Structures are given as C-alpha cells and as structure tokens.
Amino acid sequence: MKNITKLLVVCVLIGLSLTSCKNSNEEKQEINNSAETTEKEMTKETEAETSTVLNANLATEADLQGLGLSSEIVSQILEKRPFVDMKDLDAMLEGENKEELYKKMFVPFNLNTTAEADFKMIPGVGDKMAHEFEEYRPYISIKQFKREIGKYVDDEEVERYLNYVFVPVELNTASEEDIKALPGVGNRMAHEFEEYRPYKNLDQFRKEIGKYVDDKELKRLERFVYLKD
C-alpha cells in the first residue's frame, strides 16, 4: 500500500513538473513571437521611413541639405520653386548623381500629360513600365492607376510609384478622397477645395484658395486641378 502511495506521489510530481515545463516553454515561445513581431513591425516602419521620397516643392531647407546637396543648389531650389515640371528641376541638377538623388527627391509627374520618355526619370521605371503608364490614359483617379499598374507589379511597388506621379482632379466633381491623394494636400485644404464649389473658372479657384496660401503654393496647387469645358 505504501509503495502504491509513493508511486502515486511520484506520478503527481512528474505531472506537475511536465506541466510547468510546458507552460514555461509556451511563455518563452509567446515572448519570442512577440519579439519577432515587434522587430518585423519596426523593420517595416524603418523601411517606410527610408523609402519616403521628398517632394522638391515641399521639402524644407534642412531636408534638402540632408540629401547632400550643396548650399548653392539648395538655395537655387528654394528660390526657383514651385517647379511645375520635373524637367525644370532636372536641368538644375547637372553634375549630380541623379539616379541616386531621385530615389530620395522628385517633383511628381502628371500622369495624363507627361511624355512616355520622361517617365523613365523615375527610378526603376524602364521602357516597358513607362509604356504601361501611358497605355491607360486618360486617368480619372489615382485608384485607376493603382488598379491598372497593379497588374504588372506588387502593391509595394505601386505605392512607391505614388511618390512620383499624380492624377489631376476636376474641381467640381472630384471626391474628397481623390483631392487628398494630390501631393501635399491634406484634410483642411481638401475641405477648402470643396467649400467653394461650384467653380466657374480657375480665376475663382485662385481667388478663394489664395485666401489660405501664398502665391507660390497657389501656383503649385493649380497644376493639380482643372475644370471641364
């Protein structure tokens, strides 16, 4: 009887020990999984930060200096902007390593008017993709661009392209979502765009939006909009 009792006690102790080990291993696994998840999230955030392309029309002086540009070039960019065409900025940067620089700074192209050859100024865009950019014109929204170009590249690459292009919006009919997709246009400015509808002409747009921004910013915004005849 005593032997049976001892055996039962030993079995119970072994069971408790195994349960404790299992729980400990599960806790360690949860900690490891949590650490891996956090590391992945931090990596994604870092990649997102490093993949950001500065808009040359909006970048601060410190941003431009951080790209390794000379003080002279930085001063010229600040003085000459807004650039209504990327080619104007490109002409100013002779002697610079444009291939690397354009991975970090650009002036977005109008998807509906840019020449096919000029699209190849976008890092990673060759003959085939430049042709596809032009193939689906006219674009009526950036969503259309994402849908069509998404047939050829993955979502990450489509998102990267969005740093380099925009689709102009019709002032009286564009959705708030499409307006906010324009470079450097946030919630407040999108609201102001809608507030003064219907627009009869672009002079009205200049007058009303000019209440909120200076002449340079107004010129930059004007390239993003149009009115139907």
Protein backbone atom coordinates (compact mmCIF):
# COMPACT_ATOMS: atom_id res chain seq x y z
CA MET A 1 0.00 0.00 0.00
CA LYS A 2 2.83 2.37 0.93
CA ASN A 3 4.55 1.58 -2.35
CA ILE A 4 1.39 2.40 -4.29
CA THR A 5 1.05 5.68 -2.39
CA LYS A 6 4.67 6.60 -3.12
CA LEU A 7 4.16 5.72 -6.78
CA LEU A 8 1.10 7.97 -6.98
CA VAL A 9 3.00 10.84 -5.35
CA VAL A 10 5.87 10.42 -7.81
CA CYS A 11 3.43 10.40 -10.74
CA VAL A 12 1.76 13.58 -9.50
CA LEU A 13 5.12 15.32 -9.07
CA ILE A 14 6.22 14.27 -12.56
CA GLY A 15 2.92 15.53 -13.99
CA LEU A 16 3.29 18.88 -12.25
CA SER A 17 6.87 19.17 -13.47
CA LEU A 18 5.87 18.44 -17.08
CA THR A 19 3.02 20.95 -16.90
CA SER A 20 5.37 23.58 -15.51
CA CYS A 21 7.89 22.94 -18.29
CA LYS A 22 5.16 23.13 -20.92
CA ASN A 23 3.85 26.42 -19.56
CA SER A 24 7.37 27.79 -19.37
CA ASN A 25 8.07 26.79 -22.97
CA GLU A 26 4.78 28.30 -24.12
CA GLU A 27 5.59 31.55 -22.32
CA LYS A 28 9.04 31.62 -23.90
CA GLN A 29 7.51 30.96 -27.31
CA GLU A 30 5.00 33.78 -26.79
CA ILE A 31 7.82 36.13 -25.77
CA ASN A 32 9.87 35.09 -28.81
CA ASN A 33 6.87 35.51 -31.12
CA SER A 34 6.13 38.91 -29.61
CA ALA A 35 9.75 39.98 -30.03
CA GLU A 36 9.79 38.78 -33.64
CA THR A 37 6.52 40.62 -34.36
CA THR A 38 7.85 43.83 -32.81
CA GLU A 39 11.09 43.51 -34.76
CA LYS A 40 9.17 42.99 -38.01
CA GLU A 41 6.94 45.98 -37.31
CA MET A 42 9.96 48.16 -36.53
CA THR A 43 11.65 46.96 -39.71
CA LYS A 44 8.57 47.83 -41.76
CA GLU A 45 8.40 51.27 -40.15
CA THR A 46 12.08 51.83 -40.86
CA GLU A 47 11.65 50.72 -44.46
CA ALA A 48 8.67 53.04 -44.83
CA GLU A 49 10.68 55.94 -43.45
CA THR A 50 13.70 55.27 -45.64
CA SER A 51 11.55 54.78 -48.75
CA THR A 52 9.90 58.21 -48.43
CA VAL A 53 10.62 60.41 -51.43
CA LEU A 54 10.79 64.12 -50.69
CA ASN A 55 8.68 66.42 -52.83
CA ALA A 56 11.16 69.05 -54.02
CA ASN A 57 8.40 71.68 -53.90
CA LEU A 58 7.65 71.00 -50.23
CA ALA A 59 10.94 69.88 -48.68
CA THR A 60 12.47 72.14 -46.04
CA GLU A 61 15.93 73.61 -46.36
CA ALA A 62 17.15 71.10 -43.78
CA ASP A 63 15.58 68.24 -45.76
CA LEU A 64 17.40 69.31 -48.91
CA GLN A 65 20.71 69.73 -47.10
CA GLY A 66 20.23 66.24 -45.68
CA LEU A 67 20.37 64.88 -49.23
CA GLY A 68 23.97 66.02 -49.52
CA LEU A 69 23.19 68.84 -51.95
CA SER A 70 25.48 71.85 -51.96
CA SER A 71 24.34 75.07 -50.31
CA GLU A 72 24.26 76.68 -53.76
CA ILE A 73 21.91 74.04 -55.19
CA VAL A 74 19.69 74.15 -52.11
CA SER A 75 19.38 77.93 -52.43
CA GLN A 76 18.52 77.64 -56.12
CA ILE A 77 15.82 75.06 -55.44
CA LEU A 78 14.23 77.20 -52.73
CA GLU A 79 14.34 80.27 -54.95
CA LYS A 80 13.03 78.68 -58.15
CA ARG A 81 10.22 76.55 -56.77
CA PRO A 82 7.49 75.67 -57.22
CA PHE A 83 8.60 73.56 -60.15
CA VAL A 84 5.64 72.88 -62.42
CA ASP A 85 7.63 70.28 -64.32
CA MET A 86 10.22 67.80 -63.08
CA LYS A 87 12.34 68.61 -66.12
CA ASP A 88 12.89 72.12 -64.75
CA LEU A 89 14.42 70.67 -61.60
CA ASP A 90 16.33 68.08 -63.60
CA ALA A 91 18.03 70.80 -65.65
CA MET A 92 19.20 72.47 -62.44
CA LEU A 93 20.89 69.32 -61.18
CA GLU A 94 23.52 68.80 -63.86
CA GLY A 95 26.57 67.13 -62.34
CA GLU A 96 24.58 65.49 -59.54
CA ASN A 97 24.12 61.73 -59.21
CA LYS A 98 20.52 61.90 -60.41
CA GLU A 99 19.91 58.15 -60.34
CA GLU A 100 20.51 58.07 -56.59
CA LEU A 101 19.10 61.53 -55.87
CA TYR A 102 15.73 60.78 -57.48
CA LYS A 103 15.27 57.86 -55.12
CA LYS A 104 15.06 60.49 -52.39
CA MET A 105 13.63 63.62 -54.06
CA PHE A 106 11.34 64.31 -57.00
CA VAL A 107 8.60 66.54 -58.42
CA PRO A 108 5.60 64.30 -59.20
CA PHE A 109 4.64 63.85 -62.84
CA ASN A 110 1.14 64.47 -64.21
CA LEU A 111 0.11 61.00 -65.38
CA ASN A 112 -2.07 62.38 -68.17
CA THR A 113 0.38 64.79 -69.81
CA THR A 114 3.93 63.58 -69.15
CA ALA A 115 5.82 62.23 -72.16
CA GLU A 116 6.49 58.49 -72.07
CA ALA A 117 10.25 59.05 -72.23
CA ASP A 118 10.14 61.34 -69.18
CA PHE A 119 8.55 58.64 -67.02
CA LYS A 120 11.89 56.84 -67.24
CA MET A 121 13.33 59.50 -64.95
CA ILE A 122 11.51 57.65 -62.16
CA PRO A 123 13.95 55.21 -60.51
CA GLY A 124 13.24 51.65 -61.59
CA VAL A 125 10.97 52.60 -64.50
CA GLY A 126 12.19 51.34 -67.86
CA ASP A 127 10.75 51.21 -71.36
CA LYS A 128 8.04 48.65 -70.57
CA MET A 129 6.66 50.32 -67.46
CA ALA A 130 6.85 53.79 -68.98
CA HIS A 131 4.73 52.43 -71.83
CA GLU A 132 2.20 50.97 -69.38
CA PHE A 133 1.95 54.31 -67.57
CA GLU A 134 0.94 55.91 -70.85
CA GLU A 135 -1.16 52.99 -72.09
CA TYR A 136 -4.06 53.55 -69.68
CA ARG A 137 -4.60 57.25 -70.27
CA PRO A 138 -6.63 59.21 -69.55
CA TYR A 139 -6.58 58.51 -65.83
CA ILE A 140 -9.60 59.82 -63.95
CA SER A 141 -8.31 58.93 -60.49
CA ILE A 142 -5.24 57.59 -58.74
CA LYS A 143 -7.27 54.48 -57.92
CA GLN A 144 -7.42 53.70 -61.63
CA PHE A 145 -3.64 53.98 -61.85
CA LYS A 146 -3.19 51.65 -58.88
CA ARG A 147 -5.60 49.11 -60.37
CA GLU A 148 -4.07 49.09 -63.85
CA ILE A 149 -0.40 49.20 -62.90
CA GLY A 150 -1.07 46.67 -60.15
CA LYS A 151 -1.46 44.12 -62.94
CA TYR A 152 2.29 44.29 -63.52
CA VAL A 153 3.90 44.93 -60.12
CA ASP A 154 3.12 44.17 -56.48
CA ASP A 155 1.35 46.53 -54.07
CA GLU A 156 4.60 47.76 -52.53
CA GLU A 157 5.94 48.84 -55.91
CA VAL A 158 2.66 50.56 -56.80
CA GLU A 159 2.85 52.51 -53.54
CA ARG A 160 6.41 53.51 -54.38
CA TYR A 161 5.28 54.87 -57.73
CA LEU A 162 2.78 57.13 -55.95
CA ASN A 163 5.71 59.25 -54.77
CA TYR A 164 6.38 60.11 -58.40
CA VAL A 165 3.00 60.68 -60.05
CA PHE A 166 -0.40 62.29 -59.58
CA VAL A 167 -3.73 62.44 -61.38
CA PRO A 168 -5.21 65.95 -61.73
CA VAL A 169 -8.74 66.36 -60.38
CA GLU A 170 -11.81 68.08 -61.79
CA LEU A 171 -12.58 70.83 -59.30
CA ASN A 172 -16.36 70.50 -59.26
CA THR A 173 -16.74 66.72 -59.26
CA ALA A 174 -13.67 65.13 -57.65
CA SER A 175 -14.23 63.16 -54.47
CA GLU A 176 -12.58 64.24 -51.25
CA GLU A 177 -10.51 61.05 -51.38
CA ASP A 178 -9.13 61.94 -54.81
CA ILE A 179 -8.35 65.50 -53.73
CA LYS A 180 -6.45 64.27 -50.67
CA ALA A 181 -4.44 61.95 -52.92
CA LEU A 182 -2.83 65.02 -54.51
CA PRO A 183 0.75 65.72 -53.37
CA GLY A 184 0.82 67.80 -50.21
CA VAL A 185 -2.96 68.24 -49.94
CA GLY A 186 -4.38 67.33 -46.54
CA ASN A 187 -7.80 67.33 -44.90
CA ARG A 188 -8.06 71.07 -44.40
CA MET A 189 -7.13 72.06 -47.94
CA ALA A 190 -9.32 69.33 -49.42
CA HIS A 191 -12.21 70.84 -47.45
CA GLU A 192 -11.45 74.30 -48.86
CA PHE A 193 -11.35 72.93 -52.40
CA GLU A 194 -14.89 71.59 -51.90
CA GLU A 195 -16.14 74.57 -49.90
CA TYR A 196 -16.23 76.98 -52.85
CA ARG A 197 -17.99 74.77 -55.38
CA PRO A 198 -19.21 75.22 -58.00
CA TYR A 199 -16.20 76.86 -59.62
CA LYS A 200 -16.98 78.82 -62.77
CA ASN A 201 -13.36 79.32 -63.77
CA LEU A 202 -9.81 78.96 -62.45
CA ASP A 203 -9.70 82.63 -61.52
CA GLN A 204 -12.32 81.85 -58.89
CA PHE A 205 -10.14 78.99 -57.62
CA ARG A 206 -7.13 81.31 -57.39
CA LYS A 207 -9.15 83.95 -55.55
CA GLU A 208 -10.70 81.61 -52.97
CA ILE A 209 -7.77 79.29 -52.29
CA GLY A 210 -5.43 82.28 -52.37
CA LYS A 211 -7.00 83.32 -49.06
CA TYR A 212 -5.23 80.43 -47.36
CA VAL A 213 -1.86 80.07 -49.11
CA ASP A 214 0.80 82.31 -50.63
CA ASP A 215 1.33 82.79 -54.36
CA LYS A 216 3.96 80.07 -54.65
CA GLU A 217 1.78 77.45 -53.00
CA LEU A 218 -1.19 78.56 -55.08
CA LYS A 219 0.86 78.03 -58.23
CA ARG A 220 1.85 74.56 -57.01
CA LEU A 221 -1.76 73.61 -56.26
CA GLU A 222 -3.06 74.94 -59.55
CA ARG A 223 -1.20 72.30 -61.55
CA PHE A 224 -3.28 69.61 -59.82
CA VAL A 225 -6.72 70.85 -60.90
CA TYR A 226 -8.80 71.58 -63.99
CA LEU A 227 -12.38 72.43 -64.97
CA LYS A 228 -14.46 70.69 -67.59
CA ASP A 229 -15.42 72.84 -70.56
